[in-house]
Amino acid sequence: MATLFLIVVPPTSQNSRIITTQPITEIANLLWSTILDVAEKLIGSLIYGDHPVPRKSRAWKERLKVPVTIGMALMVIAAVAYKFANFQEERRVGRFMEAVETGQYEAAFQNWDADGHYTMKDFLQDWGKDGYYTKDLHEARVFDSNGRGGAVVVYVAMDNFKAPVALLVNKETLKLSFSPTNKYSQ
């Protein structure tokens, strides 16, 4: 039977190499005994009870506390961000409606995006005393808002209309105008 040999070349401090030959079976035995020694140290003897006691695992409630708390905090942050995303535009519409309700039509018209085509006379026909939107109006409040590009559509619930009125607010100038779309109208 032929015996295989392995040549081991360990480096020395003088950069010279010593070549030794050992049979593979001796190296395999040495490697196997090293693995067993390491395993014995890590695991211990299962026969003699000389092994480390495993830690008790935490209950499901304990393990889920941190992830659930983080998830709930993220949901609260997202809800607050959604609620106040269009706060500035909603506040501008609220001030506009307050000025209309109190009869301060000049101040309300300054917030309107007149664009030269919509005059004060037209504004008073729509928003003045007994105007189209203010006739029999007792209460108006901001109902909803949706961002659309460079503008926000703010919906105002008025007690004299069934569906909320949609007003478009420019994000840069905060000027108001009528919105071409209304998701609440039929």
C-alpha atoms as a PDB file:
ATOM      1  CA  MET A   1       0.000   0.000   0.000  1.00  0.00           C
ATOM      2  CA  ALA A   2       1.319   3.409  -0.910  1.00  0.00           C
ATOM      3  CA  THR A   3       1.519   6.179   1.716  1.00  0.00           C
ATOM      4  CA  LEU A   4       0.871   9.779   0.751  1.00  0.00           C
ATOM      5  CA  PHE A   5       3.085  12.501   2.165  1.00  0.00           C
ATOM      6  CA  LEU A   6       2.395  16.191   2.657  1.00  0.00           C
ATOM      7  CA  ILE A   7       5.199  18.697   2.496  1.00  0.00           C
ATOM      8  CA  VAL A   8       4.869  21.411   5.148  1.00  0.00           C
ATOM      9  CA  VAL A   9       6.857  24.591   4.544  1.00  0.00           C
ATOM     10  CA  PRO A  10       6.684  26.954   7.546  1.00  0.00           C
ATOM     11  CA  PRO A  11       8.428  30.323   7.102  1.00  0.00           C
ATOM     12  CA  THR A  12      11.282  31.174   9.471  1.00  0.00           C
ATOM     13  CA  SER A  13      12.762  34.446  10.598  1.00  0.00           C
ATOM     14  CA  GLN A  14      15.679  34.221   8.168  1.00  0.00           C
ATOM     15  CA  ASN A  15      13.337  33.843   5.168  1.00  0.00           C
ATOM     16  CA  SER A  16      14.640  30.338   4.648  1.00  0.00           C
ATOM     17  CA  ARG A  17      12.252  27.445   4.464  1.00  0.00           C
ATOM     18  CA  ILE A  18      12.551  24.080   6.096  1.00  0.00           C
ATOM     19  CA  ILE A  19      10.848  21.335   4.184  1.00  0.00           C
ATOM     20  CA  THR A  20       9.473  18.442   6.220  1.00  0.00           C
ATOM     21  CA  THR A  21       7.480  15.512   5.112  1.00  0.00           C
ATOM     22  CA  GLN A  22       4.807  13.881   7.237  1.00  0.00           C
ATOM     23  CA  PRO A  23       2.290  11.252   6.255  1.00  0.00           C
ATOM     24  CA  ILE A  24      -1.251  12.599   5.655  1.00  0.00           C
ATOM     25  CA  THR A  25      -2.648  10.243   8.268  1.00  0.00           C
ATOM     26  CA  GLU A  26      -0.556  11.877  10.998  1.00  0.00           C
ATOM     27  CA  ILE A  27      -1.760  15.344   9.922  1.00  0.00           C
ATOM     28  CA  ALA A  28      -5.371  14.177   9.779  1.00  0.00           C
ATOM     29  CA  ASN A  29      -5.097  12.684  13.273  1.00  0.00           C
ATOM     30  CA  LEU A  30      -3.560  15.907  14.581  1.00  0.00           C
ATOM     31  CA  LEU A  31      -6.310  17.992  12.961  1.00  0.00           C
ATOM     32  CA  TRP A  32      -9.048  15.706  14.294  1.00  0.00           C
ATOM     33  CA  SER A  33      -7.692  15.805  17.840  1.00  0.00           C
ATOM     34  CA  THR A  34      -7.518  19.618  17.668  1.00  0.00           C
ATOM     35  CA  ILE A  35     -11.152  19.815  16.546  1.00  0.00           C
ATOM     36  CA  LEU A  36     -12.224  17.510  19.371  1.00  0.00           C
ATOM     37  CA  ASP A  37     -10.297  19.540  21.952  1.00  0.00           C
ATOM     38  CA  VAL A  38     -11.946  22.781  20.770  1.00  0.00           C
ATOM     39  CA  ALA A  39     -15.391  21.165  20.696  1.00  0.00           C
ATOM     40  CA  GLU A  40     -14.890  19.800  24.196  1.00  0.00           C
ATOM     41  CA  LYS A  41     -13.962  23.241  25.488  1.00  0.00           C
ATOM     42  CA  LEU A  42     -16.941  24.889  23.798  1.00  0.00           C
ATOM     43  CA  ILE A  43     -19.627  22.338  24.486  1.00  0.00           C
ATOM     44  CA  GLY A  44     -18.338  20.471  27.524  1.00  0.00           C
ATOM     45  CA  SER A  45     -19.047  16.873  28.290  1.00  0.00           C
ATOM     46  CA  LEU A  46     -22.669  15.962  27.824  1.00  0.00           C
ATOM     47  CA  ILE A  47     -22.159  12.741  29.771  1.00  0.00           C
ATOM     48  CA  TYR A  48     -20.723  14.336  32.904  1.00  0.00           C
ATOM     49  CA  GLY A  49     -22.910  17.462  32.868  1.00  0.00           C
ATOM     50  CA  ASP A  50     -19.916  19.722  32.551  1.00  0.00           C
ATOM     51  CA  HIS A  51     -21.498  22.012  29.984  1.00  0.00           C
ATOM     52  CA  PRO A  52     -22.790  25.582  30.222  1.00  0.00           C
ATOM     53  CA  VAL A  53     -26.462  26.020  31.061  1.00  0.00           C
ATOM     54  CA  PRO A  54     -28.314  27.725  28.195  1.00  0.00           C
ATOM     55  CA  ARG A  55     -29.955  31.064  28.872  1.00  0.00           C
ATOM     56  CA  LYS A  56     -33.690  31.130  29.236  1.00  0.00           C
ATOM     57  CA  SER A  57     -35.359  32.577  26.164  1.00  0.00           C
ATOM     58  CA  ARG A  58     -37.563  35.563  26.668  1.00  0.00           C
ATOM     59  CA  ALA A  59     -41.332  35.235  26.321  1.00  0.00           C
ATOM     60  CA  TRP A  60     -43.043  36.360  23.122  1.00  0.00           C
ATOM     61  CA  LYS A  61     -44.427  39.445  24.841  1.00  0.00           C
ATOM     62  CA  GLU A  62     -40.956  40.507  25.904  1.00  0.00           C
ATOM     63  CA  ARG A  63     -39.458  39.882  22.461  1.00  0.00           C
ATOM     64  CA  LEU A  64     -42.145  41.888  20.676  1.00  0.00           C
ATOM     65  CA  LYS A  65     -42.158  44.963  22.938  1.00  0.00           C
ATOM     66  CA  VAL A  66     -39.378  46.884  21.171  1.00  0.00           C
ATOM     67  CA  PRO A  67     -40.442  46.220  17.525  1.00  0.00           C
ATOM     68  CA  VAL A  68     -44.105  46.947  18.290  1.00  0.00           C
ATOM     69  CA  THR A  69     -43.206  50.157  20.138  1.00  0.00           C
ATOM     70  CA  ILE A  70     -41.033  51.324  17.240  1.00  0.00           C
ATOM     71  CA  GLY A  71     -43.801  50.467  14.749  1.00  0.00           C
ATOM     72  CA  MET A  72     -46.421  52.359  16.757  1.00  0.00           C
ATOM     73  CA  ALA A  73     -44.144  55.396  17.076  1.00  0.00           C
ATOM     74  CA  LEU A  74     -43.574  55.422  13.301  1.00  0.00           C
ATOM     75  CA  MET A  75     -47.332  55.191  12.684  1.00  0.00           C
ATOM     76  CA  VAL A  76     -47.997  58.137  15.022  1.00  0.00           C
ATOM     77  CA  ILE A  77     -45.284  60.209  13.314  1.00  0.00           C
ATOM     78  CA  ALA A  78     -46.744  59.377   9.887  1.00  0.00           C
ATOM     79  CA  ALA A  79     -50.270  60.316  11.019  1.00  0.00           C
ATOM     80  CA  VAL A  80     -49.102  63.665  12.425  1.00  0.00           C
ATOM     81  CA  ALA A  81     -47.111  64.393   9.253  1.00  0.00           C
ATOM     82  CA  TYR A  82     -50.167  63.585   7.101  1.00  0.00           C
ATOM     83  CA  LYS A  83     -52.456  65.727   9.258  1.00  0.00           C
ATOM     84  CA  PHE A  84     -50.197  68.787   9.147  1.00  0.00           C
ATOM     85  CA  ALA A  85     -48.728  68.398   5.641  1.00  0.00           C
ATOM     86  CA  ASN A  86     -50.906  71.192   4.226  1.00  0.00           C
ATOM     87  CA  PHE A  87     -51.261  73.209   7.424  1.00  0.00           C
ATOM     88  CA  GLN A  88     -50.094  76.517   5.917  1.00  0.00           C
ATOM     89  CA  GLU A  89     -52.531  76.332   2.995  1.00  0.00           C
ATOM     90  CA  GLU A  90     -55.430  75.243   5.218  1.00  0.00           C
ATOM     91  CA  ARG A  91     -54.730  78.125   7.595  1.00  0.00           C
ATOM     92  CA  ARG A  92     -54.742  80.579   4.653  1.00  0.00           C
ATOM     93  CA  VAL A  93     -58.173  79.310   3.541  1.00  0.00           C
ATOM     94  CA  GLY A  94     -59.435  79.508   7.127  1.00  0.00           C
ATOM     95  CA  ARG A  95     -58.351  83.153   7.352  1.00  0.00           C
ATOM     96  CA  PHE A  96     -59.949  83.843   3.970  1.00  0.00           C
ATOM     97  CA  MET A  97     -63.263  82.367   5.093  1.00  0.00           C
ATOM     98  CA  GLU A  98     -63.074  84.285   8.368  1.00  0.00           C
ATOM     99  CA  ALA A  99     -62.569  87.540   6.445  1.00  0.00           C
ATOM    100  CA  VAL A 100     -65.534  86.741   4.174  1.00  0.00           C
ATOM    101  CA  GLU A 101     -67.783  85.854   7.134  1.00  0.00           C
ATOM    102  CA  THR A 102     -66.916  89.085   8.969  1.00  0.00           C
ATOM    103  CA  GLY A 103     -67.444  91.233   5.867  1.00  0.00           C
ATOM    104  CA  GLN A 104     -63.781  92.177   5.300  1.00  0.00           C
ATOM    105  CA  TYR A 105     -64.045  91.755   1.531  1.00  0.00           C
ATOM    106  CA  GLU A 106     -60.990  93.886   0.656  1.00  0.00           C
ATOM    107  CA  ALA A 107     -58.747  91.748   2.864  1.00  0.00           C
ATOM    108  CA  ALA A 108     -60.295  88.558   1.460  1.00  0.00           C
ATOM    109  CA  PHE A 109     -59.854  89.781  -2.134  1.00  0.00           C
ATOM    110  CA  GLN A 110     -56.136  90.423  -1.480  1.00  0.00           C
ATOM    111  CA  ASN A 111     -55.741  86.698  -0.759  1.00  0.00           C
ATOM    112  CA  TRP A 112     -57.512  85.791  -4.004  1.00  0.00           C
ATOM    113  CA  ASP A 113     -55.537  85.116  -7.175  1.00  0.00           C
ATOM    114  CA  ALA A 114     -57.364  87.747  -9.251  1.00  0.00           C
ATOM    115  CA  ASP A 115     -55.043  87.448 -12.272  1.00  0.00           C
ATOM    116  CA  GLY A 116     -56.639  90.520 -13.885  1.00  0.00           C
ATOM    117  CA  HIS A 117     -59.671  88.560 -15.130  1.00  0.00           C
ATOM    118  CA  TYR A 118     -61.454  88.256 -11.807  1.00  0.00           C
ATOM    119  CA  THR A 119     -62.399  91.732 -10.602  1.00  0.00           C
ATOM    120  CA  MET A 120     -63.628  92.917  -7.230  1.00  0.00           C
ATOM    121  CA  LYS A 121     -67.139  93.050  -8.694  1.00  0.00           C
ATOM    122  CA  ASP A 122     -66.926  89.376  -9.674  1.00  0.00           C
ATOM    123  CA  PHE A 123     -65.499  88.544  -6.264  1.00  0.00           C
ATOM    124  CA  LEU A 124     -68.400  90.263  -4.468  1.00  0.00           C
ATOM    125  CA  GLN A 125     -70.924  88.399  -6.649  1.00  0.00           C
ATOM    126  CA  ASP A 126     -69.406  85.131  -5.470  1.00  0.00           C
ATOM    127  CA  TRP A 127     -68.207  85.908  -1.927  1.00  0.00           C
ATOM    128  CA  GLY A 128     -69.909  89.204  -0.964  1.00  0.00           C
ATOM    129  CA  LYS A 129     -72.976  89.601   1.213  1.00  0.00           C
ATOM    130  CA  ASP A 130     -75.722  87.430  -0.346  1.00  0.00           C
ATOM    131  CA  GLY A 131     -73.196  86.173  -2.909  1.00  0.00           C
ATOM    132  CA  TYR A 132     -73.397  82.767  -4.525  1.00  0.00           C
ATOM    133  CA  TYR A 133     -71.230  81.053  -1.882  1.00  0.00           C
ATOM    134  CA  THR A 134     -72.217  83.163   1.120  1.00  0.00           C
ATOM    135  CA  LYS A 135     -76.000  83.267   0.774  1.00  0.00           C
ATOM    136  CA  ASP A 136     -77.492  81.680   3.917  1.00  0.00           C
ATOM    137  CA  LEU A 137     -73.976  80.861   5.173  1.00  0.00           C
ATOM    138  CA  HIS A 138     -73.704  80.471   8.939  1.00  0.00           C
ATOM    139  CA  GLU A 139     -70.637  78.298   9.317  1.00  0.00           C
ATOM    140  CA  ALA A 140     -67.695  77.322   7.128  1.00  0.00           C
ATOM    141  CA  ARG A 141     -64.747  75.149   8.106  1.00  0.00           C
ATOM    142  CA  VAL A 142     -61.791  73.514   6.387  1.00  0.00           C
ATOM    143  CA  PHE A 143     -62.849  69.926   5.766  1.00  0.00           C
ATOM    144  CA  ASP A 144     -59.994  68.267   3.845  1.00  0.00           C
ATOM    145  CA  SER A 145     -56.972  69.001   1.651  1.00  0.00           C
ATOM    146  CA  ASN A 146     -54.920  67.274  -1.025  1.00  0.00           C
ATOM    147  CA  GLY A 147     -51.552  68.331  -2.416  1.00  0.00           C
ATOM    148  CA  ARG A 148     -51.238  68.419  -6.209  1.00  0.00           C
ATOM    149  CA  GLY A 149     -47.845  69.468  -7.518  1.00  0.00           C
ATOM    150  CA  GLY A 150     -47.327  73.174  -6.888  1.00  0.00           C
ATOM    151  CA  ALA A 151     -50.800  73.660  -5.410  1.00  0.00           C
ATOM    152  CA  VAL A 152     -53.072  72.296  -2.696  1.00  0.00           C
ATOM    153  CA  VAL A 153     -56.804  71.713  -3.092  1.00  0.00           C
ATOM    154  CA  VAL A 154     -58.502  72.687   0.168  1.00  0.00           C
ATOM    155  CA  TYR A 155     -62.116  71.605   0.704  1.00  0.00           C
ATOM    156  CA  VAL A 156     -64.342  73.929   2.711  1.00  0.00           C
ATOM    157  CA  ALA A 157     -67.528  72.531   4.235  1.00  0.00           C
ATOM    158  CA  MET A 158     -70.254  75.170   4.200  1.00  0.00           C
ATOM    159  CA  ASP A 159     -73.635  74.672   5.808  1.00  0.00           C
ATOM    160  CA  ASN A 160     -75.406  76.123   2.747  1.00  0.00           C
ATOM    161  CA  PHE A 161     -73.919  73.542   0.301  1.00  0.00           C
ATOM    162  CA  LYS A 162     -74.248  69.760   0.302  1.00  0.00           C
ATOM    163  CA  ALA A 163     -70.739  69.089  -1.021  1.00  0.00           C
ATOM    164  CA  PRO A 164     -67.628  70.925   0.163  1.00  0.00           C
ATOM    165  CA  VAL A 165     -66.344  73.774  -2.024  1.00  0.00           C
ATOM    166  CA  ALA A 166     -62.879  73.138  -3.503  1.00  0.00           C
ATOM    167  CA  LEU A 167     -60.394  76.025  -3.391  1.00  0.00           C
ATOM    168  CA  LEU A 168     -56.962  75.850  -4.997  1.00  0.00           C
ATOM    169  CA  VAL A 169     -54.051  77.360  -3.031  1.00  0.00           C
ATOM    170  CA  ASN A 170     -50.742  78.065  -4.772  1.00  0.00           C
ATOM    171  CA  LYS A 171     -47.913  76.764  -2.546  1.00  0.00           C
ATOM    172  CA  GLU A 172     -45.494  79.560  -3.465  1.00  0.00           C
ATOM    173  CA  THR A 173     -47.734  82.633  -3.342  1.00  0.00           C
ATOM    174  CA  LEU A 174     -50.507  81.234  -1.068  1.00  0.00           C
ATOM    175  CA  LYS A 175     -53.086  82.864  -3.367  1.00  0.00           C
ATOM    176  CA  LEU A 176     -56.523  81.265  -3.605  1.00  0.00           C
ATOM    177  CA  SER A 177     -58.659  80.437  -6.626  1.00  0.00           C
ATOM    178  CA  PHE A 178     -61.389  78.017  -7.585  1.00  0.00           C
ATOM    179  CA  SER A 179     -60.210  74.458  -8.087  1.00  0.00           C
ATOM    180  CA  PRO A 180     -61.079  72.833 -11.422  1.00  0.00           C
ATOM    181  CA  THR A 181     -61.593  69.496  -9.640  1.00  0.00           C
ATOM    182  CA  ASN A 182     -63.629  68.525  -6.608  1.00  0.00           C
ATOM    183  CA  LYS A 183     -63.477  64.938  -5.384  1.00  0.00           C
ATOM    184  CA  TYR A 184     -66.674  65.371  -3.329  1.00  0.00           C
ATOM    185  CA  SER A 185     -68.994  66.638  -6.062  1.00  0.00           C
ATOM    186  CA  GLN A 186     -71.075  64.241  -8.159  1.00  0.00           C
END
